[in-house]
Every structure is written in structure tokens, then in C-alpha cells.
């Protein structure tokens, strides 16, 4: 019986056959995220715990409608509360405010220093303990009270000395209450709270508006960076009583909703827009991080910024937006982020209409998958160097008669 002798090349080919067969199964390109979720999350965590599968949502008209409906409902609730507070607003006097008090037909009480005085000099500054002194009435506590309440108190005090006293009270210098506007605004500084309600929009406008890229000098984090970012036109941070609240500037300036009434001691910070980026990865013609324009960007705009799909490598069925959603944890526990994956079949040109309606959020990852043929070619490209090296070794061994 004749025994067949296999060359090293033949033996290597037989050894690589299972890998090639498994490569064929892996690189068909038919499976999607929805069909094989294990591609998108870990089989095991650092302690051997299984990863939670991401939430996968198709981008279709129903999804877009539901997202808009949630935004409208949240805005309506906040708008009603804001309008109620605006209608109920009354300025309450505080220490260091200056009051001008007039008693009609009694100039000796209204302006004892004469007619030609500066209006602030004519007034009375509220002391640190919240009181003022008025003739015939004595010490009057005014801090925490409205001008109407102060007028009634003074009129009652003058009644024993003046028949039907007509008293007028107004604040001529607002010094007790203030807010701080900082960050990427043209004129950061202190703004007084007056008898006119001060809102987030008012405070930013009074600070000269938000800076654009190139204004104010400096980059996002110092260190002499050459890139200068403009203001984040999507989000501002309001610090009140030690708690931070995010203000949706995008919604505020586009619809007027989400405005908030500012209070004494509030700090309003407008950050730069260095975090307002989306990351375009996968088989695009240009992979990059893309800065959102005025805090907004649609999926279609992100695709266009990347100069479209790579026509030879992209698998247009697999266009995904990956978004990290913070999860509530127990107190003291490590923060967790659960990925939410939005999927769009972009093979048809009409799908870009849906992409143009899908609003991205900062730090979203836009990813397009690789076609099966390209994945197969890349796998072969990784195997061929090993085959070539074995073949060269065989040639050398034959040339030197190595047994």
C-alpha cells in the first residue's frame, strides 16, 4: 500500500482549513445588530458578569413622532410653572437697597435736604439689619417686604400726625440681590435683581449674548491650544443652593420654552462647545469627530460631514447611532452607562429623509458596518502573510537540502 507524503505547505493548508471555513461563516455580512446582539456588548464583565444587551430602536416615523411627543409634554409642564411664577413675582426689599419715600404735600418729610439732590442721595439705604428710620414713624423693618407693604406701614405710622397721608415708596437702587453670569458670554459679571423679573434668557442677553468661535481667546481647556471654541448653545448650567441644574438653551432660544426665573445668589454658567461633538466611525469616507452647529446636528448632516459611505466597504443596511444613557445606581455605587442603539437601513436613498429628521445628541457615535466581502478580504489579508512565510521557508529548505 502506497503512503502519501504531505509537504509542509499541504500540512499548513490542512491546519488552516477550519479557520478559513469559520471565516466564511463569520464574514457573510448578513447578520445585523438586531440579529446578533453579542457583537455590541461584552459576554462577560471584569468580574465575569454577563453584559446587559443594549436597547435597539429602529429609526422610523413612529420613533421620530414619539421622541417629539416627549419633548412637547416636558415643555408644557415647565412652561405652565414658569408663567405662574412670572405672574406672582414681586420684588422684596433687602439690606443695602435704597428707598425713595414721598409723602405728598409734605416736602419736609420727602426731601428734607432740598429739591436739587441726586435721587439716590434723597433716598434711604436699608441697614444691614433690614430697617430704615422715618420721621414720626421711627424705625421701620423693611427687609423681606414689598414696596406696597412698606407704604402701608409708613402711612399707618403717620396717621396720628397727618390726616389721610398719601405715601409713595419705590426702590431707586437695587443692591441686595444679584446673580453671577460666567463662562462663554461677551460680558461676564454680576447682574442685579430688580423689580423686573430676571430670567435665564434676560441674563444672557444682558451679558452681551453668547460668544462665537474665535471670540474671547483661548481654547476649551487652556494650555495654549490653538483652537478657540464658542459658547455651548445647547446647554447652560444653573447653580442654586449648591445644586446644579441643566438649562436647555436650544429649546429656550428656538421655542421660548424652558426659561427659568433667577434668584439671589444664582450662578449661571455658559460652557464652551468643545463637548458638542458626535463621532463618525466605521466605513465612511472620512472618520472624524464632528462639531455640532449651534448645538444641533441631524444624522443626515453627520453622514454628509463624513463625505458619505465608502461605496466599496460600507454595508448601508447597518447604519447605527450609539448613545450612552446614564443609569441610576445605589448611593455610593459606581456610575453605569447603558448603550441605546438606533438602527437605520440606509440602502434606499429615501431613508435619508428619516435621517434628516433624527436629531443627534452630544457624544453620540454614528457607525456604519463593514460589508461581508470586505470583512472576508481583510481576513484573507491577515492569513496570507503566514502562508507566504511558510512557502518561503519551504523554498529555502529545499535550496539548502534541509531534511
Foldseek 3Di string as FASTA:
>chain_A
DDDDDDDPLRVVCVVCVVVLVVLLVVLQQPDACVRPQCVPAPCADPVGHGDDGFAEAALDPVVLVVVVVVVVVVLVVQVVVAVVCQVPDFDADAAQWWKQKDWPPCVCQRAVPDDDDDRSVSTFGQHNVQWTQGPQQGIDRRGRHGQVVVQVSVQVSCVVPDPRIDMGMDTPGQDDFWEFEDEFAQATGIDGDGRNWDKPVNVRVVSVHWFAWPPPDDPQPHPPDPTHFTWQQQWKWKADPNDIDIAGNVCCVPPVTRMHTDTGYIYIYTHTQPQQWEFEDEQFCATDIGHADSSWDFQLRVCVVSVHGDPVWFQQQFKKKWDWDWDDDPVPDDIDTRIHIYGYNPPDVVSVVSRRSHIDHGHIYIYTYTHSVVSSVVVVVVCVVVSVVSVVVSVVCVVVVPD
